[in-house]
Amino acid sequence: MEPALNYARTSDGVTIAYAAAGDGPALVWLPSLSNVEAQWQVPVLRDTYQRLAASLRLVLFDGRGTGRSQRDVDPADLGLDGQLRDLDAVIGHMGLDRVAIIGLYHGVAPAIAYAARHPGRVSHLVLFGGSARTQDAMSAPQTQALLSLMERDWDLFADTAAHAWTGWDAGESARRLADVFRTSSTPAVARATFEAAASIDVTDELPKVRTPALVLHRPADRQSSDTARHLAEALPAGRLMTIPGMTPALFLEDTAGDVDVVVRFLTDAPPAPRREPAPARADGLTGRETEVLRLLAGGDSNAEIAAALGVSVHTVERHAANLYRKIGARGRADAIAWAFRRGIT
């Protein structure tokens, strides 16, 4: 069950909704277009939250103007200072003396700023997909095209953003994530939020961050990899880690593996070796798709395959859908027959 919402009041009088789950070191997840209540209904997000909460005190909140937080806010207050006031209010209301912070995409810069300005309060930073200068991470043509949809067609934006993040065959996760985006805010506030984010530059604060910082990136995107490397090098206690996968999201492609990386970093445990996928085949299947097909042919359920590979059931379903499409299979039985004919058993 999703945790109950609580409410904090910022120093400028804005009401912020937040939820907490689990026990252990506190990890505060900085929001984007957020609706914490709806996010718990997205299978891949719920799986991520539950895995994190098994080892940590996970704290999620809706930023001003979004979700269950106060909606009637001044667009001029959606920038860095407003975001830091929201974060400070939640930490203060919970009575937390020391927290780790995870910042994804345009949550990276606020995470850096808070750690620089509150060095005794932040124990660790986990950063993915962003930059100290947020515009650097928002400049890709695909991102700009997506943002241009916000005010022209809010529903189309929500659907496109959800599928861009989860993949076009993500099924229920994508549909429910689109509902999160759709109900998170209004088009005007969302656009103002991203415009404010694009103006944030905390480059000058990087040398002040003495907090251990884990900068994660995937190797598929050269531009984001370069941005991640520069960020890790600029942080005095920064550490760059490459995580396998092709998706532009954290916790999606290998939920269990990504969560394990984060938990081990926050608890100062050594990183665990990951199982490397089999090499890609000439027939177009990736190594991971071949592994999934082999386990399917062995009679394993999606849940059993997920456990064997250390990934989420959602990820297994996505790999299965991809491999079905590539080999022209109409379903599991068709795919198994195809595997037997080619000796993939």
C-alpha atoms as a PDB file:
ATOM      1  CA  MET A   1       0.000   0.000   0.000  1.00  0.00           C
ATOM      2  CA  GLU A   2       1.170   3.521  -0.725  1.00  0.00           C
ATOM      3  CA  PRO A   3       2.157   5.636   2.308  1.00  0.00           C
ATOM      4  CA  ALA A   4      -0.101   8.383   3.626  1.00  0.00           C
ATOM      5  CA  LEU A   5       0.486  11.985   2.599  1.00  0.00           C
ATOM      6  CA  ASN A   6       1.743  14.554   5.083  1.00  0.00           C
ATOM      7  CA  TYR A   7       2.033  18.295   4.650  1.00  0.00           C
ATOM      8  CA  ALA A   8       4.834  20.756   5.362  1.00  0.00           C
ATOM      9  CA  ARG A   9       4.832  24.551   5.109  1.00  0.00           C
ATOM     10  CA  THR A  10       7.695  26.386   3.412  1.00  0.00           C
ATOM     11  CA  SER A  11       9.298  29.572   4.708  1.00  0.00           C
ATOM     12  CA  ASP A  12       7.306  31.542   2.110  1.00  0.00           C
ATOM     13  CA  GLY A  13       4.011  29.921   3.118  1.00  0.00           C
ATOM     14  CA  VAL A  14       3.542  27.233   0.433  1.00  0.00           C
ATOM     15  CA  THR A  15       2.035  23.873   1.459  1.00  0.00           C
ATOM     16  CA  ILE A  16       4.057  20.865   0.288  1.00  0.00           C
ATOM     17  CA  ALA A  17       2.699  17.288   0.210  1.00  0.00           C
ATOM     18  CA  TYR A  18       5.104  14.465   0.976  1.00  0.00           C
ATOM     19  CA  ALA A  19       5.142  10.745   1.785  1.00  0.00           C
ATOM     20  CA  ALA A  20       7.704   8.510   3.455  1.00  0.00           C
ATOM     21  CA  ALA A  21       8.185   4.747   3.455  1.00  0.00           C
ATOM     22  CA  GLY A  22      10.668   2.328   4.975  1.00  0.00           C
ATOM     23  CA  ASP A  23      13.321   2.576   7.676  1.00  0.00           C
ATOM     24  CA  GLY A  24      17.024   3.276   7.597  1.00  0.00           C
ATOM     25  CA  PRO A  25      19.117   6.188   6.278  1.00  0.00           C
ATOM     26  CA  ALA A  26      16.881   8.886   4.805  1.00  0.00           C
ATOM     27  CA  LEU A  27      16.851   9.332   1.015  1.00  0.00           C
ATOM     28  CA  VAL A  28      14.931  12.331  -0.333  1.00  0.00           C
ATOM     29  CA  TRP A  29      13.943  12.083  -4.008  1.00  0.00           C
ATOM     30  CA  LEU A  30      13.682  15.487  -5.689  1.00  0.00           C
ATOM     31  CA  PRO A  31      10.522  15.805  -7.813  1.00  0.00           C
ATOM     32  CA  SER A  32       9.894  16.818 -11.402  1.00  0.00           C
ATOM     33  CA  LEU A  33       6.319  16.810 -12.736  1.00  0.00           C
ATOM     34  CA  SER A  34       5.148  14.983  -9.657  1.00  0.00           C
ATOM     35  CA  ASN A  35       2.003  13.426  -8.255  1.00  0.00           C
ATOM     36  CA  VAL A  36       3.187  11.154  -5.450  1.00  0.00           C
ATOM     37  CA  GLU A  37      -0.212   9.493  -4.984  1.00  0.00           C
ATOM     38  CA  ALA A  38      -0.480   8.578  -8.657  1.00  0.00           C
ATOM     39  CA  GLN A  39       3.182   7.539  -8.911  1.00  0.00           C
ATOM     40  CA  TRP A  40       2.597   4.653  -6.506  1.00  0.00           C
ATOM     41  CA  GLN A  41       0.127   3.213  -9.045  1.00  0.00           C
ATOM     42  CA  VAL A  42       2.807   2.946 -11.781  1.00  0.00           C
ATOM     43  CA  PRO A  43       4.122  -0.639 -11.592  1.00  0.00           C
ATOM     44  CA  VAL A  44       7.758   0.130 -12.372  1.00  0.00           C
ATOM     45  CA  LEU A  45       7.825   3.102  -9.965  1.00  0.00           C
ATOM     46  CA  ARG A  46       6.058   1.174  -7.204  1.00  0.00           C
ATOM     47  CA  ASP A  47       8.610  -1.621  -7.596  1.00  0.00           C
ATOM     48  CA  THR A  48      11.441   0.914  -7.367  1.00  0.00           C
ATOM     49  CA  TYR A  49      10.005   2.633  -4.294  1.00  0.00           C
ATOM     50  CA  GLN A  50       9.389  -0.643  -2.486  1.00  0.00           C
ATOM     51  CA  ARG A  51      12.902  -1.887  -3.204  1.00  0.00           C
ATOM     52  CA  LEU A  52      14.438   1.367  -1.948  1.00  0.00           C
ATOM     53  CA  ALA A  53      12.190   1.410   1.125  1.00  0.00           C
ATOM     54  CA  ALA A  54      13.353  -2.097   2.036  1.00  0.00           C
ATOM     55  CA  SER A  55      16.728  -0.604   3.016  1.00  0.00           C
ATOM     56  CA  LEU A  56      16.158   3.141   3.334  1.00  0.00           C
ATOM     57  CA  ARG A  57      13.734   5.755   4.620  1.00  0.00           C
ATOM     58  CA  LEU A  58      12.456   6.922   1.240  1.00  0.00           C
ATOM     59  CA  VAL A  59      10.941  10.412   1.121  1.00  0.00           C
ATOM     60  CA  LEU A  60       8.963  11.616  -1.915  1.00  0.00           C
ATOM     61  CA  PHE A  61       7.274  14.979  -2.298  1.00  0.00           C
ATOM     62  CA  ASP A  62       5.359  17.075  -4.800  1.00  0.00           C
ATOM     63  CA  GLY A  63       7.053  20.340  -5.640  1.00  0.00           C
ATOM     64  CA  ARG A  64       5.106  23.585  -5.430  1.00  0.00           C
ATOM     65  CA  GLY A  65       2.473  23.834  -8.134  1.00  0.00           C
ATOM     66  CA  THR A  66       2.292  20.069  -8.642  1.00  0.00           C
ATOM     67  CA  GLY A  67       0.465  17.006  -7.326  1.00  0.00           C
ATOM     68  CA  ARG A  68      -1.127  17.430  -3.916  1.00  0.00           C
ATOM     69  CA  SER A  69       1.059  20.384  -3.020  1.00  0.00           C
ATOM     70  CA  GLN A  70      -0.306  23.924  -3.239  1.00  0.00           C
ATOM     71  CA  ARG A  71      -1.241  24.614  -6.853  1.00  0.00           C
ATOM     72  CA  ASP A  72      -1.844  28.374  -6.780  1.00  0.00           C
ATOM     73  CA  VAL A  73       1.764  29.549  -6.775  1.00  0.00           C
ATOM     74  CA  ASP A  74       3.549  32.483  -8.373  1.00  0.00           C
ATOM     75  CA  PRO A  75       5.416  31.288 -11.495  1.00  0.00           C
ATOM     76  CA  ALA A  76       8.273  33.543 -10.386  1.00  0.00           C
ATOM     77  CA  ASP A  77       8.772  31.248  -7.363  1.00  0.00           C
ATOM     78  CA  LEU A  78       9.275  28.033  -9.378  1.00  0.00           C
ATOM     79  CA  GLY A  79      13.026  28.476  -9.751  1.00  0.00           C
ATOM     80  CA  LEU A  80      15.938  27.264  -7.682  1.00  0.00           C
ATOM     81  CA  ASP A  81      15.138  29.197  -4.507  1.00  0.00           C
ATOM     82  CA  GLY A  82      11.557  27.921  -4.449  1.00  0.00           C
ATOM     83  CA  GLN A  83      12.691  24.338  -5.030  1.00  0.00           C
ATOM     84  CA  LEU A  84      15.200  24.578  -2.179  1.00  0.00           C
ATOM     85  CA  ARG A  85      12.534  26.000   0.140  1.00  0.00           C
ATOM     86  CA  ASP A  86      10.292  23.018  -0.687  1.00  0.00           C
ATOM     87  CA  LEU A  87      13.083  20.560   0.091  1.00  0.00           C
ATOM     88  CA  ASP A  88      14.040  22.343   3.291  1.00  0.00           C
ATOM     89  CA  ALA A  89      10.425  22.374   4.489  1.00  0.00           C
ATOM     90  CA  VAL A  90      10.035  18.601   4.035  1.00  0.00           C
ATOM     91  CA  ILE A  91      13.338  17.808   5.751  1.00  0.00           C
ATOM     92  CA  GLY A  92      12.494  20.160   8.613  1.00  0.00           C
ATOM     93  CA  HIS A  93       8.931  18.882   9.045  1.00  0.00           C
ATOM     94  CA  MET A  94      10.227  15.307   9.284  1.00  0.00           C
ATOM     95  CA  GLY A  95      12.867  16.330  11.814  1.00  0.00           C
ATOM     96  CA  LEU A  96      15.694  14.814   9.769  1.00  0.00           C
ATOM     97  CA  ASP A  97      19.203  15.872  10.771  1.00  0.00           C
ATOM     98  CA  ARG A  98      21.000  14.211   7.878  1.00  0.00           C
ATOM     99  CA  VAL A  99      19.737  12.996   4.498  1.00  0.00           C
ATOM    100  CA  ALA A 100      20.907  11.636   1.193  1.00  0.00           C
ATOM    101  CA  ILE A 101      19.422  13.283  -1.894  1.00  0.00           C
ATOM    102  CA  ILE A 102      18.702  11.771  -5.293  1.00  0.00           C
ATOM    103  CA  GLY A 103      18.317  14.193  -8.181  1.00  0.00           C
ATOM    104  CA  LEU A 104      17.313  13.074 -11.669  1.00  0.00           C
ATOM    105  CA  TYR A 105      17.292  15.272 -14.797  1.00  0.00           C
ATOM    106  CA  HIS A 106      16.533  18.853 -13.731  1.00  0.00           C
ATOM    107  CA  GLY A 107      16.622  17.737 -10.087  1.00  0.00           C
ATOM    108  CA  VAL A 108      20.424  17.491 -10.361  1.00  0.00           C
ATOM    109  CA  ALA A 109      21.147  21.212 -10.007  1.00  0.00           C
ATOM    110  CA  PRO A 110      18.930  21.743  -6.912  1.00  0.00           C
ATOM    111  CA  ALA A 111      20.510  18.686  -5.285  1.00  0.00           C
ATOM    112  CA  ILE A 112      23.972  20.173  -5.850  1.00  0.00           C
ATOM    113  CA  ALA A 113      22.900  23.584  -4.547  1.00  0.00           C
ATOM    114  CA  TYR A 114      21.349  22.163  -1.385  1.00  0.00           C
ATOM    115  CA  ALA A 115      24.437  20.073  -0.634  1.00  0.00           C
ATOM    116  CA  ALA A 116      26.690  23.105  -1.180  1.00  0.00           C
ATOM    117  CA  ARG A 117      24.605  25.327   1.106  1.00  0.00           C
ATOM    118  CA  HIS A 118      23.940  22.690   3.813  1.00  0.00           C
ATOM    119  CA  PRO A 119      27.179  20.686   3.989  1.00  0.00           C
ATOM    120  CA  GLY A 120      26.415  19.212   7.416  1.00  0.00           C
ATOM    121  CA  ARG A 121      22.945  18.042   6.483  1.00  0.00           C
ATOM    122  CA  VAL A 122      23.575  16.064   3.268  1.00  0.00           C
ATOM    123  CA  SER A 123      25.354  12.708   3.595  1.00  0.00           C
ATOM    124  CA  HIS A 124      25.347  11.577  -0.056  1.00  0.00           C
ATOM    125  CA  LEU A 125      24.220  12.687  -3.503  1.00  0.00           C
ATOM    126  CA  VAL A 126      22.976  10.407  -6.282  1.00  0.00           C
ATOM    127  CA  LEU A 127      22.744  12.204  -9.644  1.00  0.00           C
ATOM    128  CA  PHE A 128      21.494  11.034 -13.038  1.00  0.00           C
ATOM    129  CA  GLY A 129      20.607  12.632 -16.357  1.00  0.00           C
ATOM    130  CA  GLY A 130      21.291  16.253 -15.443  1.00  0.00           C
ATOM    131  CA  SER A 131      23.934  18.908 -15.069  1.00  0.00           C
ATOM    132  CA  ALA A 132      24.970  21.808 -12.852  1.00  0.00           C
ATOM    133  CA  ARG A 133      23.749  23.976 -15.730  1.00  0.00           C
ATOM    134  CA  THR A 134      20.335  22.508 -16.389  1.00  0.00           C
ATOM    135  CA  GLN A 135      20.086  23.860 -19.918  1.00  0.00           C
ATOM    136  CA  ASP A 136      22.960  21.539 -20.900  1.00  0.00           C
ATOM    137  CA  ALA A 137      20.766  18.542 -20.138  1.00  0.00           C
ATOM    138  CA  MET A 138      17.678  20.035 -21.811  1.00  0.00           C
ATOM    139  CA  SER A 139      19.223  21.088 -25.112  1.00  0.00           C
ATOM    140  CA  ALA A 140      18.706  17.851 -27.034  1.00  0.00           C
ATOM    141  CA  PRO A 141      16.309  18.325 -29.993  1.00  0.00           C
ATOM    142  CA  GLN A 142      14.092  15.480 -28.755  1.00  0.00           C
ATOM    143  CA  THR A 143      13.696  17.178 -25.374  1.00  0.00           C
ATOM    144  CA  GLN A 144      12.894  20.541 -26.924  1.00  0.00           C
ATOM    145  CA  ALA A 145      10.335  18.969 -29.254  1.00  0.00           C
ATOM    146  CA  LEU A 146       8.676  17.253 -26.308  1.00  0.00           C
ATOM    147  CA  LEU A 147       8.532  20.446 -24.260  1.00  0.00           C
ATOM    148  CA  SER A 148       6.966  22.292 -27.172  1.00  0.00           C
ATOM    149  CA  LEU A 149       3.925  20.017 -26.874  1.00  0.00           C
ATOM    150  CA  MET A 150       3.085  21.174 -23.343  1.00  0.00           C
ATOM    151  CA  GLU A 151       0.805  24.079 -24.106  1.00  0.00           C
ATOM    152  CA  ARG A 152      -0.301  22.925 -27.562  1.00  0.00           C
ATOM    153  CA  ASP A 153      -1.618  19.498 -26.534  1.00  0.00           C
ATOM    154  CA  TRP A 154      -1.285  18.563 -22.856  1.00  0.00           C
ATOM    155  CA  ASP A 155      -2.674  15.039 -23.276  1.00  0.00           C
ATOM    156  CA  LEU A 156      -0.375  14.306 -26.201  1.00  0.00           C
ATOM    157  CA  PHE A 157       2.568  15.635 -24.188  1.00  0.00           C
ATOM    158  CA  ALA A 158       1.707  13.365 -21.244  1.00  0.00           C
ATOM    159  CA  ASP A 159       1.382  10.269 -23.437  1.00  0.00           C
ATOM    160  CA  THR A 160       4.537  11.032 -25.442  1.00  0.00           C
ATOM    161  CA  ALA A 161       6.632  11.843 -22.383  1.00  0.00           C
ATOM    162  CA  ALA A 162       5.543   8.658 -20.623  1.00  0.00           C
ATOM    163  CA  HIS A 163       6.325   6.435 -23.587  1.00  0.00           C
ATOM    164  CA  ALA A 164       9.611   8.223 -24.296  1.00  0.00           C
ATOM    165  CA  TRP A 165      10.669   7.426 -20.728  1.00  0.00           C
ATOM    166  CA  THR A 166       9.358   3.869 -20.443  1.00  0.00           C
ATOM    167  CA  GLY A 167       9.403   2.663 -24.056  1.00  0.00           C
ATOM    168  CA  TRP A 168       6.550   2.335 -26.519  1.00  0.00           C
ATOM    169  CA  ASP A 169       5.726  -1.217 -25.446  1.00  0.00           C
ATOM    170  CA  ALA A 170       5.693  -0.566 -21.690  1.00  0.00           C
ATOM    171  CA  GLY A 171       1.965  -1.246 -21.333  1.00  0.00           C
ATOM    172  CA  GLU A 172       0.422  -0.437 -17.963  1.00  0.00           C
ATOM    173  CA  SER A 173       3.474   1.414 -16.647  1.00  0.00           C
ATOM    174  CA  ALA A 174       3.394   3.838 -19.577  1.00  0.00           C
ATOM    175  CA  ARG A 175      -0.375   4.363 -19.343  1.00  0.00           C
ATOM    176  CA  ARG A 176      -0.240   5.069 -15.626  1.00  0.00           C
ATOM    177  CA  LEU A 177       2.834   7.279 -15.946  1.00  0.00           C
ATOM    178  CA  ALA A 178       0.971   9.339 -18.542  1.00  0.00           C
ATOM    179  CA  ASP A 179      -1.754   9.801 -15.901  1.00  0.00           C
ATOM    180  CA  VAL A 180       0.922  10.992 -13.454  1.00  0.00           C
ATOM    181  CA  PHE A 181       2.116  13.639 -15.903  1.00  0.00           C
ATOM    182  CA  ARG A 182      -1.427  14.584 -16.897  1.00  0.00           C
ATOM    183  CA  THR A 183      -2.556  15.123 -13.283  1.00  0.00           C
ATOM    184  CA  SER A 184       0.701  16.537 -11.960  1.00  0.00           C
ATOM    185  CA  SER A 185       0.079  20.139 -12.924  1.00  0.00           C
ATOM    186  CA  THR A 186      -1.382  22.491 -15.501  1.00  0.00           C
ATOM    187  CA  PRO A 187       0.274  23.135 -18.869  1.00  0.00           C
ATOM    188  CA  ALA A 188       1.066  26.730 -17.865  1.00  0.00           C
ATOM    189  CA  VAL A 189       2.710  25.773 -14.566  1.00  0.00           C
ATOM    190  CA  ALA A 190       4.577  22.878 -16.170  1.00  0.00           C
ATOM    191  CA  ARG A 191       5.938  25.131 -18.869  1.00  0.00           C
ATOM    192  CA  ALA A 192       6.934  27.760 -16.291  1.00  0.00           C
ATOM    193  CA  THR A 193       8.643  25.067 -14.218  1.00  0.00           C
ATOM    194  CA  PHE A 194      10.779  23.901 -17.128  1.00  0.00           C
ATOM    195  CA  GLU A 195      11.554  27.462 -18.196  1.00  0.00           C
ATOM    196  CA  ALA A 196      12.712  28.214 -14.657  1.00  0.00           C
ATOM    197  CA  ALA A 197      14.782  25.021 -14.618  1.00  0.00           C
ATOM    198  CA  ALA A 198      16.484  25.966 -17.888  1.00  0.00           C
ATOM    199  CA  SER A 199      17.832  29.139 -16.259  1.00  0.00           C
ATOM    200  CA  ILE A 200      19.440  27.353 -13.284  1.00  0.00           C
ATOM    201  CA  ASP A 201      23.229  27.249 -13.224  1.00  0.00           C
ATOM    202  CA  VAL A 202      24.969  26.121 -10.032  1.00  0.00           C
ATOM    203  CA  THR A 203      28.394  25.588 -11.606  1.00  0.00           C
ATOM    204  CA  ASP A 204      29.996  28.009  -9.124  1.00  0.00           C
ATOM    205  CA  GLU A 205      28.709  25.894  -6.236  1.00  0.00           C
ATOM    206  CA  LEU A 206      30.295  22.629  -7.390  1.00  0.00           C
ATOM    207  CA  PRO A 207      33.631  23.181  -5.544  1.00  0.00           C
ATOM    208  CA  LYS A 208      31.709  23.673  -2.277  1.00  0.00           C
ATOM    209  CA  VAL A 209      30.126  20.203  -2.415  1.00  0.00           C
ATOM    210  CA  ARG A 210      32.257  17.959  -0.198  1.00  0.00           C
ATOM    211  CA  THR A 211      29.501  15.354   0.025  1.00  0.00           C
ATOM    212  CA  PRO A 212      30.231  11.974  -1.647  1.00  0.00           C
ATOM    213  CA  ALA A 213      28.417  12.132  -4.971  1.00  0.00           C
ATOM    214  CA  LEU A 214      27.624   9.219  -7.279  1.00  0.00           C
ATOM    215  CA  VAL A 215      27.043  10.336 -10.876  1.00  0.00           C
ATOM    216  CA  LEU A 216      25.340   7.565 -12.849  1.00  0.00           C
ATOM    217  CA  HIS A 217      25.050   7.358 -16.612  1.00  0.00           C
ATOM    218  CA  ARG A 218      24.274   4.890 -19.369  1.00  0.00           C
ATOM    219  CA  PRO A 219      26.744   4.428 -22.233  1.00  0.00           C
ATOM    220  CA  ALA A 220      24.188   4.628 -25.056  1.00  0.00           C
ATOM    221  CA  ASP A 221      23.967   8.438 -25.204  1.00  0.00           C
ATOM    222  CA  ARG A 222      27.330  10.099 -25.936  1.00  0.00           C
ATOM    223  CA  GLN A 223      26.138  13.611 -25.041  1.00  0.00           C
ATOM    224  CA  SER A 224      24.758  12.623 -21.634  1.00  0.00           C
ATOM    225  CA  SER A 225      27.839  10.490 -20.964  1.00  0.00           C
ATOM    226  CA  ASP A 226      30.113  13.484 -21.578  1.00  0.00           C
ATOM    227  CA  THR A 227      27.921  15.675 -19.358  1.00  0.00           C
ATOM    228  CA  ALA A 228      28.020  13.064 -16.585  1.00  0.00           C
ATOM    229  CA  ARG A 229      31.789  12.738 -16.804  1.00  0.00           C
ATOM    230  CA  HIS A 230      32.316  16.507 -16.575  1.00  0.00           C
ATOM    231  CA  LEU A 231      29.968  16.693 -13.598  1.00  0.00           C
ATOM    232  CA  ALA A 232      31.730  13.899 -11.717  1.00  0.00           C
ATOM    233  CA  GLU A 233      35.113  15.506 -12.381  1.00  0.00           C
ATOM    234  CA  ALA A 234      33.901  18.893 -11.118  1.00  0.00           C
ATOM    235  CA  LEU A 235      32.565  17.538  -7.822  1.00  0.00           C
ATOM    236  CA  PRO A 236      35.361  17.259  -5.219  1.00  0.00           C
ATOM    237  CA  ALA A 237      34.052  13.899  -3.990  1.00  0.00           C
ATOM    238  CA  GLY A 238      32.406  12.888  -7.256  1.00  0.00           C
ATOM    239  CA  ARG A 239      32.452   9.359  -8.632  1.00  0.00           C
ATOM    240  CA  LEU A 240      31.297   8.370 -12.107  1.00  0.00           C
ATOM    241  CA  MET A 241      29.643   4.971 -12.620  1.00  0.00           C
ATOM    242  CA  THR A 242      28.461   3.515 -15.909  1.00  0.00           C
ATOM    243  CA  ILE A 243      25.369   1.353 -15.588  1.00  0.00           C
ATOM    244  CA  PRO A 244      24.327  -0.995 -18.401  1.00  0.00           C
ATOM    245  CA  GLY A 245      21.270  -0.416 -20.523  1.00  0.00           C
ATOM    246  CA  MET A 246      19.866   1.587 -23.409  1.00  0.00           C
ATOM    247  CA  THR A 247      16.983   3.527 -21.851  1.00  0.00           C
ATOM    248  CA  PRO A 248      17.282   7.216 -20.859  1.00  0.00           C
ATOM    249  CA  ALA A 249      15.893   6.480 -17.392  1.00  0.00           C
ATOM    250  CA  LEU A 250      17.130   5.198 -14.063  1.00  0.00           C
ATOM    251  CA  PHE A 251      15.444   2.191 -12.381  1.00  0.00           C
ATOM    252  CA  LEU A 252      13.509   1.238 -15.515  1.00  0.00           C
ATOM    253  CA  GLU A 253      15.574  -1.230 -17.486  1.00  0.00           C
ATOM    254  CA  ASP A 254      17.119  -3.063 -14.520  1.00  0.00           C
ATOM    255  CA  THR A 255      15.206  -1.974 -11.426  1.00  0.00           C
ATOM    256  CA  ALA A 256      16.832  -4.406  -9.015  1.00  0.00           C
ATOM    257  CA  GLY A 257      20.343  -3.701 -10.296  1.00  0.00           C
ATOM    258  CA  ASP A 258      19.963   0.094 -10.248  1.00  0.00           C
ATOM    259  CA  VAL A 259      18.435   0.059  -6.767  1.00  0.00           C
ATOM    260  CA  ASP A 260      21.273  -2.143  -5.546  1.00  0.00           C
ATOM    261  CA  VAL A 261      23.845   0.357  -6.844  1.00  0.00           C
ATOM    262  CA  VAL A 262      22.113   3.226  -5.036  1.00  0.00           C
ATOM    263  CA  VAL A 263      21.603   1.346  -1.756  1.00  0.00           C
ATOM    264  CA  ARG A 264      25.196   0.110  -1.670  1.00  0.00           C
ATOM    265  CA  PHE A 265      26.503   3.627  -2.250  1.00  0.00           C
ATOM    266  CA  LEU A 266      24.286   5.118   0.465  1.00  0.00           C
ATOM    267  CA  THR A 267      25.201   2.407   2.974  1.00  0.00           C
ATOM    268  CA  ASP A 268      28.910   2.439   2.014  1.00  0.00           C
ATOM    269  CA  ALA A 269      28.799  -1.200   0.887  1.00  0.00           C
ATOM    270  CA  PRO A 270      31.070  -2.340  -1.968  1.00  0.00           C
ATOM    271  CA  PRO A 271      29.368  -2.514  -5.377  1.00  0.00           C
ATOM    272  CA  ALA A 272      28.118  -5.934  -6.438  1.00  0.00           C
ATOM    273  CA  PRO A 273      29.209  -7.365  -9.796  1.00  0.00           C
ATOM    274  CA  ARG A 274      26.452  -7.389 -12.391  1.00  0.00           C
ATOM    275  CA  ARG A 275      25.673 -10.315 -14.597  1.00  0.00           C
ATOM    276  CA  GLU A 276      26.755  -9.422 -18.100  1.00  0.00           C
ATOM    277  CA  PRO A 277      24.254 -10.165 -20.873  1.00  0.00           C
ATOM    278  CA  ALA A 278      25.115 -12.628 -23.595  1.00  0.00           C
ATOM    279  CA  PRO A 279      26.571 -11.159 -26.797  1.00  0.00           C
ATOM    280  CA  ALA A 280      24.144  -9.938 -29.442  1.00  0.00           C
ATOM    281  CA  ARG A 281      23.104 -12.447 -32.122  1.00  0.00           C
ATOM    282  CA  ALA A 282      23.254 -12.035 -35.856  1.00  0.00           C
ATOM    283  CA  ASP A 283      19.477 -12.517 -36.039  1.00  0.00           C
ATOM    284  CA  GLY A 284      18.961  -9.105 -34.417  1.00  0.00           C
ATOM    285  CA  LEU A 285      18.216 -10.176 -30.854  1.00  0.00           C
ATOM    286  CA  THR A 286      20.243  -8.451 -28.171  1.00  0.00           C
ATOM    287  CA  GLY A 287      22.096 -10.522 -25.612  1.00  0.00           C
ATOM    288  CA  ARG A 288      19.458  -9.848 -22.979  1.00  0.00           C
ATOM    289  CA  GLU A 289      16.617 -10.708 -25.361  1.00  0.00           C
ATOM    290  CA  THR A 290      18.364 -13.991 -26.145  1.00  0.00           C
ATOM    291  CA  GLU A 291      18.609 -14.772 -22.425  1.00  0.00           C
ATOM    292  CA  VAL A 292      14.922 -14.015 -21.947  1.00  0.00           C
ATOM    293  CA  LEU A 293      14.011 -16.208 -24.918  1.00  0.00           C
ATOM    294  CA  ARG A 294      16.164 -19.075 -23.600  1.00  0.00           C
ATOM    295  CA  LEU A 295      14.417 -18.921 -20.213  1.00  0.00           C
ATOM    296  CA  LEU A 296      11.012 -18.686 -21.891  1.00  0.00           C
ATOM    297  CA  ALA A 297      11.869 -21.810 -23.845  1.00  0.00           C
ATOM    298  CA  GLY A 298      12.760 -23.481 -20.551  1.00  0.00           C
ATOM    299  CA  GLY A 299       9.236 -22.886 -19.272  1.00  0.00           C
ATOM    300  CA  ASP A 300      10.026 -20.079 -16.818  1.00  0.00           C
ATOM    301  CA  SER A 301       7.341 -17.503 -16.004  1.00  0.00           C
ATOM    302  CA  ASN A 302       8.028 -13.790 -16.356  1.00  0.00           C
ATOM    303  CA  ALA A 303       8.460 -13.542 -12.578  1.00  0.00           C
ATOM    304  CA  GLU A 304      10.953 -16.427 -12.580  1.00  0.00           C
ATOM    305  CA  ILE A 305      12.891 -14.853 -15.449  1.00  0.00           C
ATOM    306  CA  ALA A 306      12.992 -11.524 -13.607  1.00  0.00           C
ATOM    307  CA  ALA A 307      14.391 -13.233 -10.501  1.00  0.00           C
ATOM    308  CA  ALA A 308      16.977 -15.159 -12.523  1.00  0.00           C
ATOM    309  CA  LEU A 309      18.237 -12.048 -14.323  1.00  0.00           C
ATOM    310  CA  GLY A 310      17.903  -9.648 -11.399  1.00  0.00           C
ATOM    311  CA  VAL A 311      15.531  -7.315 -13.243  1.00  0.00           C
ATOM    312  CA  SER A 312      11.893  -6.292 -12.853  1.00  0.00           C
ATOM    313  CA  VAL A 313       8.947  -8.178 -14.343  1.00  0.00           C
ATOM    314  CA  HIS A 314       8.209  -5.014 -16.345  1.00  0.00           C
ATOM    315  CA  THR A 315      11.671  -5.242 -17.923  1.00  0.00           C
ATOM    316  CA  VAL A 316      11.143  -8.899 -18.820  1.00  0.00           C
ATOM    317  CA  GLU A 317       7.808  -8.018 -20.454  1.00  0.00           C
ATOM    318  CA  ARG A 318       9.498  -5.281 -22.475  1.00  0.00           C
ATOM    319  CA  HIS A 319      12.282  -7.608 -23.662  1.00  0.00           C
ATOM    320  CA  ALA A 320       9.708 -10.260 -24.562  1.00  0.00           C
ATOM    321  CA  ALA A 321       7.655  -7.790 -26.585  1.00  0.00           C
ATOM    322  CA  ASN A 322      10.784  -6.640 -28.411  1.00  0.00           C
ATOM    323  CA  LEU A 323      11.960 -10.136 -29.259  1.00  0.00           C
ATOM    324  CA  TYR A 324       8.455 -11.199 -30.382  1.00  0.00           C
ATOM    325  CA  ARG A 325       8.451  -8.299 -32.808  1.00  0.00           C
ATOM    326  CA  LYS A 326      11.932  -9.080 -34.127  1.00  0.00           C
ATOM    327  CA  ILE A 327      11.268 -12.761 -34.806  1.00  0.00           C
ATOM    328  CA  GLY A 328       7.679 -12.296 -35.950  1.00  0.00           C
ATOM    329  CA  ALA A 329       6.203 -14.335 -33.091  1.00  0.00           C
ATOM    330  CA  ARG A 330       2.515 -13.965 -32.236  1.00  0.00           C
ATOM    331  CA  GLY A 331       3.057 -14.990 -28.614  1.00  0.00           C
ATOM    332  CA  ARG A 332       5.009 -17.137 -26.195  1.00  0.00           C
ATOM    333  CA  ALA A 333       4.311 -20.464 -27.914  1.00  0.00           C
ATOM    334  CA  ASP A 334       5.385 -19.066 -31.283  1.00  0.00           C
ATOM    335  CA  ALA A 335       8.582 -17.685 -29.741  1.00  0.00           C
ATOM    336  CA  ILE A 336       9.417 -20.969 -28.008  1.00  0.00           C
ATOM    337  CA  ALA A 337       8.956 -22.883 -31.262  1.00  0.00           C
ATOM    338  CA  TRP A 338      11.249 -20.387 -33.001  1.00  0.00           C
ATOM    339  CA  ALA A 339      13.849 -20.838 -30.244  1.00  0.00           C
ATOM    340  CA  PHE A 340      13.758 -24.625 -30.537  1.00  0.00           C
ATOM    341  CA  ARG A 341      14.234 -24.456 -34.314  1.00  0.00           C
ATOM    342  CA  ARG A 342      17.376 -22.372 -33.830  1.00  0.00           C
ATOM    343  CA  GLY A 343      18.794 -24.235 -30.857  1.00  0.00           C
ATOM    344  CA  ILE A 344      18.234 -21.451 -28.297  1.00  0.00           C
ATOM    345  CA  THR A 345      17.456 -23.697 -25.329  1.00  0.00           C
END
